[in-house]
Amino acid sequence: MSRMKQHFDFGSLIVIAVTFILFAIALFTKGLTHDILLEAAIFLVSLKLIIMSYKNVDLAEPLQRNLDSIQEVVRRIESQDRKNRAE
């Protein structure tokens, strides 16, 4: 569950739950008719957006680590440069 909290905020979890609940309600009220295909398409689009959000977080974490390491190297270079100027 903690890994899920890393990727989804509280608002996203609410949207996921509401989308699933509305899909289930539509399934039971409309039955297996033509309209359920539209409901399923909407559900799948919502699911795709959720998956894209999850993947964006997975891609952003390594980039953030790389940026932090680059920033640390720049700080070290700047501190050495200041030390060299002082001498």
PDB file of N, CA and C in Angstrom:
ATOM      1  N   MET A   1       0.822  -1.200   0.000  1.00  0.00           N
ATOM      2  CA  MET A   1       0.000   0.000   0.000  1.00  0.00           C
ATOM      3  C   MET A   1       0.857   1.251   0.000  1.00  0.00           C
ATOM      4  N   SER A   2       2.037   1.203   0.640  1.00  0.00           N
ATOM      5  CA  SER A   2       2.882   2.393   0.678  1.00  0.00           C
ATOM      6  C   SER A   2       3.394   2.744  -0.711  1.00  0.00           C
ATOM      7  N   ARG A   3       3.652   1.728  -1.543  1.00  0.00           N
ATOM      8  CA  ARG A   3       4.084   2.007  -2.918  1.00  0.00           C
ATOM      9  C   ARG A   3       2.974   2.703  -3.697  1.00  0.00           C
ATOM     10  N   MET A   4       1.726   2.333  -3.435  1.00  0.00           N
ATOM     11  CA  MET A   4       0.611   2.977  -4.109  1.00  0.00           C
ATOM     12  C   MET A   4       0.516   4.445  -3.695  1.00  0.00           C
ATOM     13  N   LYS A   5       0.785   4.732  -2.436  1.00  0.00           N
ATOM     14  CA  LYS A   5       0.726   6.113  -1.955  1.00  0.00           C
ATOM     15  C   LYS A   5       1.821   6.961  -2.585  1.00  0.00           C
ATOM     16  N   GLN A   6       2.930   6.340  -2.991  1.00  0.00           N
ATOM     17  CA  GLN A   6       3.989   7.078  -3.660  1.00  0.00           C
ATOM     18  C   GLN A   6       3.540   7.558  -5.028  1.00  0.00           C
ATOM     19  N   HIS A   7       2.704   6.780  -5.686  1.00  0.00           N
ATOM     20  CA  HIS A   7       2.335   7.075  -7.062  1.00  0.00           C
ATOM     21  C   HIS A   7       1.005   7.797  -7.197  1.00  0.00           C
ATOM     22  N   PHE A   8       0.114   7.597  -6.265  1.00  0.00           N
ATOM     23  CA  PHE A   8      -1.207   8.200  -6.365  1.00  0.00           C
ATOM     24  C   PHE A   8      -1.488   9.030  -5.133  1.00  0.00           C
ATOM     25  N   ASP A   9      -1.970  10.242  -5.343  1.00  0.00           N
ATOM     26  CA  ASP A   9      -2.384  11.047  -4.219  1.00  0.00           C
ATOM     27  C   ASP A   9      -3.819  10.680  -3.849  1.00  0.00           C
ATOM     28  N   PHE A  10      -4.328  11.275  -2.802  1.00  0.00           N
ATOM     29  CA  PHE A  10      -5.660  10.950  -2.305  1.00  0.00           C
ATOM     30  C   PHE A  10      -6.730  11.246  -3.356  1.00  0.00           C
ATOM     31  N   GLY A  11      -6.590  12.349  -4.066  1.00  0.00           N
ATOM     32  CA  GLY A  11      -7.555  12.707  -5.108  1.00  0.00           C
ATOM     33  C   GLY A  11      -7.611  11.681  -6.222  1.00  0.00           C
ATOM     34  N   SER A  12      -6.458  11.161  -6.635  1.00  0.00           N
ATOM     35  CA  SER A  12      -6.415  10.145  -7.687  1.00  0.00           C
ATOM     36  C   SER A  12      -7.099   8.864  -7.240  1.00  0.00           C
ATOM     37  N   LEU A  13      -6.880   8.479  -5.988  1.00  0.00           N
ATOM     38  CA  LEU A  13      -7.527   7.275  -5.474  1.00  0.00           C
ATOM     39  C   LEU A  13      -9.044   7.434  -5.431  1.00  0.00           C
ATOM     40  N   ILE A  14      -9.511   8.622  -5.104  1.00  0.00           N
ATOM     41  CA  ILE A  14     -10.952   8.877  -5.103  1.00  0.00           C
ATOM     42  C   ILE A  14     -11.510   8.776  -6.521  1.00  0.00           C
ATOM     43  N   VAL A  15     -10.800   9.348  -7.488  1.00  0.00           N
ATOM     44  CA  VAL A  15     -11.251   9.285  -8.885  1.00  0.00           C
ATOM     45  C   VAL A  15     -11.305   7.833  -9.358  1.00  0.00           C
ATOM     46  N   ILE A  16     -10.310   7.041  -9.001  1.00  0.00           N
ATOM     47  CA  ILE A  16     -10.297   5.624  -9.375  1.00  0.00           C
ATOM     48  C   ILE A  16     -11.518   4.918  -8.792  1.00  0.00           C
ATOM     49  N   ALA A  17     -11.770   5.137  -7.516  1.00  0.00           N
ATOM     50  CA  ALA A  17     -12.896   4.469  -6.852  1.00  0.00           C
ATOM     51  C   ALA A  17     -14.228   4.900  -7.456  1.00  0.00           C
ATOM     52  N   VAL A  18     -14.410   6.196  -7.667  1.00  0.00           N
ATOM     53  CA  VAL A  18     -15.669   6.697  -8.233  1.00  0.00           C
ATOM     54  C   VAL A  18     -15.866   6.173  -9.647  1.00  0.00           C
ATOM     55  N   THR A  19     -14.817   6.154 -10.454  1.00  0.00           N
ATOM     56  CA  THR A  19     -14.926   5.636 -11.817  1.00  0.00           C
ATOM     57  C   THR A  19     -15.347   4.175 -11.812  1.00  0.00           C
ATOM     58  N   PHE A  20     -14.733   3.388 -10.953  1.00  0.00           N
ATOM     59  CA  PHE A  20     -15.088   1.970 -10.881  1.00  0.00           C
ATOM     60  C   PHE A  20     -16.525   1.777 -10.394  1.00  0.00           C
ATOM     61  N   ILE A  21     -16.929   2.539  -9.392  1.00  0.00           N
ATOM     62  CA  ILE A  21     -18.292   2.431  -8.863  1.00  0.00           C
ATOM     63  C   ILE A  21     -19.317   2.812  -9.930  1.00  0.00           C
ATOM     64  N   LEU A  22     -19.066   3.912 -10.647  1.00  0.00           N
ATOM     65  CA  LEU A  22     -20.000   4.323 -11.699  1.00  0.00           C
ATOM     66  C   LEU A  22     -20.061   3.297 -12.823  1.00  0.00           C
ATOM     67  N   PHE A  23     -18.923   2.693 -13.167  1.00  0.00           N
ATOM     68  CA  PHE A  23     -18.924   1.652 -14.183  1.00  0.00           C
ATOM     69  C   PHE A  23     -19.743   0.449 -13.728  1.00  0.00           C
ATOM     70  N   ALA A  24     -19.570   0.046 -12.470  1.00  0.00           N
ATOM     71  CA  ALA A  24     -20.325  -1.093 -11.947  1.00  0.00           C
ATOM     72  C   ALA A  24     -21.822  -0.791 -11.927  1.00  0.00           C
ATOM     73  N   ILE A  25     -22.187   0.417 -11.533  1.00  0.00           N
ATOM     74  CA  ILE A  25     -23.604   0.795 -11.527  1.00  0.00           C
ATOM     75  C   ILE A  25     -24.163   0.764 -12.946  1.00  0.00           C
ATOM     76  N   ALA A  26     -23.418   1.310 -13.906  1.00  0.00           N
ATOM     77  CA  ALA A  26     -23.878   1.301 -15.297  1.00  0.00           C
ATOM     78  C   ALA A  26     -24.021  -0.122 -15.815  1.00  0.00           C
ATOM     79  N   LEU A  27     -23.127  -0.995 -15.405  1.00  0.00           N
ATOM     80  CA  LEU A  27     -23.198  -2.390 -15.833  1.00  0.00           C
ATOM     81  C   LEU A  27     -24.481  -3.051 -15.348  1.00  0.00           C
ATOM     82  N   PHE A  28     -24.846  -2.797 -14.093  1.00  0.00           N
ATOM     83  CA  PHE A  28     -26.042  -3.432 -13.545  1.00  0.00           C
ATOM     84  C   PHE A  28     -27.332  -2.754 -13.991  1.00  0.00           C
ATOM     85  N   THR A  29     -27.310  -1.442 -14.239  1.00  0.00           N
ATOM     86  CA  THR A  29     -28.547  -0.768 -14.635  1.00  0.00           C
ATOM     87  C   THR A  29     -28.833  -0.913 -16.122  1.00  0.00           C
ATOM     88  N   LYS A  30     -27.809  -0.932 -16.952  1.00  0.00           N
ATOM     89  CA  LYS A  30     -28.013  -1.017 -18.393  1.00  0.00           C
ATOM     90  C   LYS A  30     -27.943  -2.440 -18.914  1.00  0.00           C
ATOM     91  N   GLY A  31     -27.345  -3.314 -18.141  1.00  0.00           N
ATOM     92  CA  GLY A  31     -27.200  -4.686 -18.602  1.00  0.00           C
ATOM     93  C   GLY A  31     -26.193  -4.774 -19.729  1.00  0.00           C
ATOM     94  N   LEU A  32     -26.196  -5.887 -20.430  1.00  0.00           N
ATOM     95  CA  LEU A  32     -25.241  -6.090 -21.519  1.00  0.00           C
ATOM     96  C   LEU A  32     -25.849  -5.620 -22.838  1.00  0.00           C
ATOM     97  N   THR A  33     -26.061  -4.313 -22.943  1.00  0.00           N
ATOM     98  CA  THR A  33     -26.617  -3.728 -24.164  1.00  0.00           C
ATOM     99  C   THR A  33     -25.535  -2.951 -24.885  1.00  0.00           C
ATOM    100  N   HIS A  34     -25.949  -2.296 -25.959  1.00  0.00           N
ATOM    101  CA  HIS A  34     -25.012  -1.491 -26.748  1.00  0.00           C
ATOM    102  C   HIS A  34     -24.416  -0.361 -25.906  1.00  0.00           C
ATOM    103  N   ASP A  35     -25.199   0.208 -24.987  1.00  0.00           N
ATOM    104  CA  ASP A  35     -24.721   1.325 -24.168  1.00  0.00           C
ATOM    105  C   ASP A  35     -23.569   0.927 -23.251  1.00  0.00           C
ATOM    106  N   ILE A  36     -23.511  -0.339 -22.897  1.00  0.00           N
ATOM    107  CA  ILE A  36     -22.429  -0.772 -22.007  1.00  0.00           C
ATOM    108  C   ILE A  36     -21.074  -0.681 -22.715  1.00  0.00           C
ATOM    109  N   LEU A  37     -21.073  -0.788 -24.043  1.00  0.00           N
ATOM    110  CA  LEU A  37     -19.811  -0.627 -24.777  1.00  0.00           C
ATOM    111  C   LEU A  37     -19.267   0.788 -24.617  1.00  0.00           C
ATOM    112  N   LEU A  38     -20.154   1.758 -24.628  1.00  0.00           N
ATOM    113  CA  LEU A  38     -19.742   3.145 -24.410  1.00  0.00           C
ATOM    114  C   LEU A  38     -19.209   3.322 -22.992  1.00  0.00           C
ATOM    115  N   GLU A  39     -19.900   2.749 -22.034  1.00  0.00           N
ATOM    116  CA  GLU A  39     -19.437   2.823 -20.645  1.00  0.00           C
ATOM    117  C   GLU A  39     -18.073   2.155 -20.481  1.00  0.00           C
ATOM    118  N   ALA A  40     -17.885   1.010 -21.125  1.00  0.00           N
ATOM    119  CA  ALA A  40     -16.601   0.304 -21.046  1.00  0.00           C
ATOM    120  C   ALA A  40     -15.491   1.132 -21.682  1.00  0.00           C
ATOM    121  N   ALA A  41     -15.793   1.799 -22.792  1.00  0.00           N
ATOM    122  CA  ALA A  41     -14.792   2.647 -23.444  1.00  0.00           C
ATOM    123  C   ALA A  41     -14.378   3.794 -22.536  1.00  0.00           C
ATOM    124  N   ILE A  42     -15.340   4.398 -21.885  1.00  0.00           N
ATOM    125  CA  ILE A  42     -15.037   5.496 -20.959  1.00  0.00           C
ATOM    126  C   ILE A  42     -14.202   4.978 -19.790  1.00  0.00           C
ATOM    127  N   PHE A  43     -14.552   3.821 -19.288  1.00  0.00           N
ATOM    128  CA  PHE A  43     -13.787   3.215 -18.194  1.00  0.00           C
ATOM    129  C   PHE A  43     -12.350   2.943 -18.623  1.00  0.00           C
ATOM    130  N   LEU A  44     -12.174   2.415 -19.827  1.00  0.00           N
ATOM    131  CA  LEU A  44     -10.823   2.107 -20.306  1.00  0.00           C
ATOM    132  C   LEU A  44      -9.990   3.365 -20.532  1.00  0.00           C
ATOM    133  N   VAL A  45     -10.621   4.433 -20.994  1.00  0.00           N
ATOM    134  CA  VAL A  45      -9.894   5.698 -21.145  1.00  0.00           C
ATOM    135  C   VAL A  45      -9.440   6.198 -19.776  1.00  0.00           C
ATOM    136  N   SER A  46     -10.318   6.118 -18.796  1.00  0.00           N
ATOM    137  CA  SER A  46      -9.942   6.523 -17.442  1.00  0.00           C
ATOM    138  C   SER A  46      -8.804   5.663 -16.917  1.00  0.00           C
ATOM    139  N   LEU A  47      -8.885   4.377 -17.153  1.00  0.00           N
ATOM    140  CA  LEU A  47      -7.834   3.462 -16.722  1.00  0.00           C
ATOM    141  C   LEU A  47      -6.506   3.783 -17.402  1.00  0.00           C
ATOM    142  N   LYS A  48      -6.549   4.100 -18.671  1.00  0.00           N
ATOM    143  CA  LYS A  48      -5.326   4.456 -19.401  1.00  0.00           C
ATOM    144  C   LYS A  48      -4.693   5.719 -18.823  1.00  0.00           C
ATOM    145  N   LEU A  49      -5.508   6.709 -18.492  1.00  0.00           N
ATOM    146  CA  LEU A  49      -4.978   7.935 -17.884  1.00  0.00           C
ATOM    147  C   LEU A  49      -4.332   7.645 -16.525  1.00  0.00           C
ATOM    148  N   ILE A  50      -4.926   6.749 -15.775  1.00  0.00           N
ATOM    149  CA  ILE A  50      -4.365   6.382 -14.477  1.00  0.00           C
ATOM    150  C   ILE A  50      -3.024   5.676 -14.663  1.00  0.00           C
ATOM    151  N   ILE A  51      -2.952   4.772 -15.621  1.00  0.00           N
ATOM    152  CA  ILE A  51      -1.695   4.061 -15.893  1.00  0.00           C
ATOM    153  C   ILE A  51      -0.615   5.031 -16.364  1.00  0.00           C
ATOM    154  N   MET A  52      -0.987   5.993 -17.201  1.00  0.00           N
ATOM    155  CA  MET A  52      -0.017   6.989 -17.664  1.00  0.00           C
ATOM    156  C   MET A  52       0.504   7.818 -16.497  1.00  0.00           C
ATOM    157  N   SER A  53      -0.366   8.166 -15.576  1.00  0.00           N
ATOM    158  CA  SER A  53       0.048   8.914 -14.394  1.00  0.00           C
ATOM    159  C   SER A  53       1.045   8.103 -13.572  1.00  0.00           C
ATOM    160  N   TYR A  54       0.771   6.820 -13.411  1.00  0.00           N
ATOM    161  CA  TYR A  54       1.656   5.930 -12.655  1.00  0.00           C
ATOM    162  C   TYR A  54       3.024   5.850 -13.326  1.00  0.00           C
ATOM    163  N   LYS A  55       3.043   5.696 -14.646  1.00  0.00           N
ATOM    164  CA  LYS A  55       4.313   5.591 -15.361  1.00  0.00           C
ATOM    165  C   LYS A  55       5.098   6.901 -15.310  1.00  0.00           C
ATOM    166  N   ASN A  56       4.399   8.026 -15.323  1.00  0.00           N
ATOM    167  CA  ASN A  56       5.085   9.315 -15.231  1.00  0.00           C
ATOM    168  C   ASN A  56       5.844   9.440 -13.911  1.00  0.00           C
ATOM    169  N   VAL A  57       5.243   8.968 -12.837  1.00  0.00           N
ATOM    170  CA  VAL A  57       5.926   9.010 -11.545  1.00  0.00           C
ATOM    171  C   VAL A  57       7.147   8.097 -11.576  1.00  0.00           C
ATOM    172  N   ASP A  58       7.002   6.901 -12.174  1.00  0.00           N
ATOM    173  CA  ASP A  58       8.140   5.979 -12.268  1.00  0.00           C
ATOM    174  C   ASP A  58       9.280   6.571 -13.096  1.00  0.00           C
ATOM    175  N   LEU A  59       8.949   7.319 -14.134  1.00  0.00           N
ATOM    176  CA  LEU A  59       9.981   7.931 -14.967  1.00  0.00           C
ATOM    177  C   LEU A  59      10.598   9.162 -14.305  1.00  0.00           C
ATOM    178  N   ALA A  60       9.828   9.863 -13.507  1.00  0.00           N
ATOM    179  CA  ALA A  60      10.312  11.100 -12.898  1.00  0.00           C
ATOM    180  C   ALA A  60      11.304  10.838 -11.767  1.00  0.00           C
ATOM    181  N   GLU A  61      11.152   9.743 -11.056  1.00  0.00           N
ATOM    182  CA  GLU A  61      12.038   9.468  -9.914  1.00  0.00           C
ATOM    183  C   GLU A  61      13.509   9.338 -10.317  1.00  0.00           C
ATOM    184  N   PRO A  62      13.859   8.536 -11.345  1.00  0.00           N
ATOM    185  CA  PRO A  62      15.280   8.475 -11.728  1.00  0.00           C
ATOM    186  C   PRO A  62      15.803   9.812 -12.265  1.00  0.00           C
ATOM    187  N   LEU A  63      14.951  10.537 -12.969  1.00  0.00           N
ATOM    188  CA  LEU A  63      15.373  11.844 -13.465  1.00  0.00           C
ATOM    189  C   LEU A  63      15.686  12.792 -12.316  1.00  0.00           C
ATOM    190  N   GLN A  64      14.861  12.750 -11.279  1.00  0.00           N
ATOM    191  CA  GLN A  64      15.100  13.605 -10.116  1.00  0.00           C
ATOM    192  C   GLN A  64      16.412  13.230  -9.433  1.00  0.00           C
ATOM    193  N   ARG A  65      16.688  11.938  -9.320  1.00  0.00           N
ATOM    194  CA  ARG A  65      17.962  11.507  -8.717  1.00  0.00           C
ATOM    195  C   ARG A  65      19.146  11.997  -9.555  1.00  0.00           C
ATOM    196  N   ASN A  66      19.031  11.904 -10.882  1.00  0.00           N
ATOM    197  CA  ASN A  66      20.111  12.382 -11.751  1.00  0.00           C
ATOM    198  C   ASN A  66      20.306  13.885 -11.608  1.00  0.00           C
ATOM    199  N   LEU A  67      19.208  14.622 -11.553  1.00  0.00           N
ATOM    200  CA  LEU A  67      19.320  16.072 -11.375  1.00  0.00           C
ATOM    201  C   LEU A  67      19.951  16.427 -10.038  1.00  0.00           C
ATOM    202  N   ASP A  68      19.606  15.676  -9.001  1.00  0.00           N
ATOM    203  CA  ASP A  68      20.207  15.928  -7.688  1.00  0.00           C
ATOM    204  C   ASP A  68      21.708  15.663  -7.709  1.00  0.00           C
ATOM    205  N   SER A  69      22.130  14.595  -8.389  1.00  0.00           N
ATOM    206  CA  SER A  69      23.566  14.306  -8.447  1.00  0.00           C
ATOM    207  C   SER A  69      24.299  15.356  -9.278  1.00  0.00           C
ATOM    208  N   ILE A  70      23.689  15.820 -10.352  1.00  0.00           N
ATOM    209  CA  ILE A  70      24.306  16.880 -11.161  1.00  0.00           C
ATOM    210  C   ILE A  70      24.423  18.153 -10.343  1.00  0.00           C
ATOM    211  N   GLN A  71      23.384  18.476  -9.589  1.00  0.00           N
ATOM    212  CA  GLN A  71      23.416  19.677  -8.758  1.00  0.00           C
ATOM    213  C   GLN A  71      24.515  19.573  -7.695  1.00  0.00           C
ATOM    214  N   GLU A  72      24.714  18.398  -7.143  1.00  0.00           N
ATOM    215  CA  GLU A  72      25.768  18.208  -6.151  1.00  0.00           C
ATOM    216  C   GLU A  72      27.151  18.410  -6.778  1.00  0.00           C
ATOM    217  N   VAL A  73      27.345  17.890  -7.980  1.00  0.00           N
ATOM    218  CA  VAL A  73      28.623  18.066  -8.677  1.00  0.00           C
ATOM    219  C   VAL A  73      28.869  19.552  -8.966  1.00  0.00           C
ATOM    220  N   VAL A  74      27.850  20.253  -9.391  1.00  0.00           N
ATOM    221  CA  VAL A  74      27.987  21.692  -9.670  1.00  0.00           C
ATOM    222  C   VAL A  74      28.345  22.443  -8.393  1.00  0.00           C
ATOM    223  N   ARG A  75      27.730  22.087  -7.280  1.00  0.00           N
ATOM    224  CA  ARG A  75      28.058  22.740  -6.005  1.00  0.00           C
ATOM    225  C   ARG A  75      29.517  22.504  -5.628  1.00  0.00           C
ATOM    226  N   ARG A  76      29.992  21.250  -5.818  1.00  0.00           N
ATOM    227  CA  ARG A  76      31.392  20.966  -5.498  1.00  0.00           C
ATOM    228  C   ARG A  76      32.336  21.765  -6.394  1.00  0.00           C
ATOM    229  N   ILE A  77      32.016  21.848  -7.668  1.00  0.00           N
ATOM    230  CA  ILE A  77      32.856  22.615  -8.602  1.00  0.00           C
ATOM    231  C   ILE A  77      32.863  24.085  -8.219  1.00  0.00           C
ATOM    232  N   GLU A  78      31.693  24.623  -7.865  1.00  0.00           N
ATOM    233  CA  GLU A  78      31.625  26.034  -7.471  1.00  0.00           C
ATOM    234  C   GLU A  78      32.408  26.298  -6.195  1.00  0.00           C
ATOM    235  N   SER A  79      32.335  25.368  -5.242  1.00  0.00           N
ATOM    236  CA  SER A  79      33.076  25.579  -3.997  1.00  0.00           C
ATOM    237  C   SER A  79      34.584  25.490  -4.244  1.00  0.00           C
ATOM    238  N   GLN A  80      35.030  24.587  -5.113  1.00  0.00           N
ATOM    239  CA  GLN A  80      36.452  24.511  -5.460  1.00  0.00           C
ATOM    240  C   GLN A  80      36.883  25.769  -6.200  1.00  0.00           C
ATOM    241  N   ASP A  81      36.014  26.290  -7.054  1.00  0.00           N
ATOM    242  CA  ASP A  81      36.340  27.501  -7.813  1.00  0.00           C
ATOM    243  C   ASP A  81      36.485  28.688  -6.864  1.00  0.00           C
ATOM    244  N   ARG A  82      35.586  28.792  -5.867  1.00  0.00           N
ATOM    245  CA  ARG A  82      35.701  29.871  -4.895  1.00  0.00           C
ATOM    246  C   ARG A  82      36.977  29.741  -4.073  1.00  0.00           C
ATOM    247  N   LYS A  83      37.312  28.487  -3.727  1.00  0.00           N
ATOM    248  CA  LYS A  83      38.531  28.249  -2.951  1.00  0.00           C
ATOM    249  C   LYS A  83      39.755  28.643  -3.763  1.00  0.00           C
ATOM    250  N   ASN A  84      39.758  28.316  -5.053  1.00  0.00           N
ATOM    251  CA  ASN A  84      40.894  28.666  -5.922  1.00  0.00           C
ATOM    252  C   ASN A  84      41.007  30.173  -6.118  1.00  0.00           C
ATOM    253  N   ARG A  85      39.896  30.873  -6.176  1.00  0.00           N
ATOM    254  CA  ARG A  85      39.931  32.336  -6.317  1.00  0.00           C
ATOM    255  C   ARG A  85      40.460  32.998  -5.061  1.00  0.00           C
ATOM    256  N   ALA A  86      40.124  32.412  -3.921  1.00  0.00           N
ATOM    257  CA  ALA A  86      40.568  32.979  -2.647  1.00  0.00           C
ATOM    258  C   ALA A  86      42.083  32.851  -2.467  1.00  0.00           C
ATOM    259  N   GLU A  87      42.664  31.853  -3.092  1.00  0.00           N
ATOM    260  CA  GLU A  87      44.120  31.632  -2.931  1.00  0.00           C
ATOM    261  C   GLU A  87      44.832  32.536  -3.835  1.00  0.00           C
TER     262      GLU A  87
END
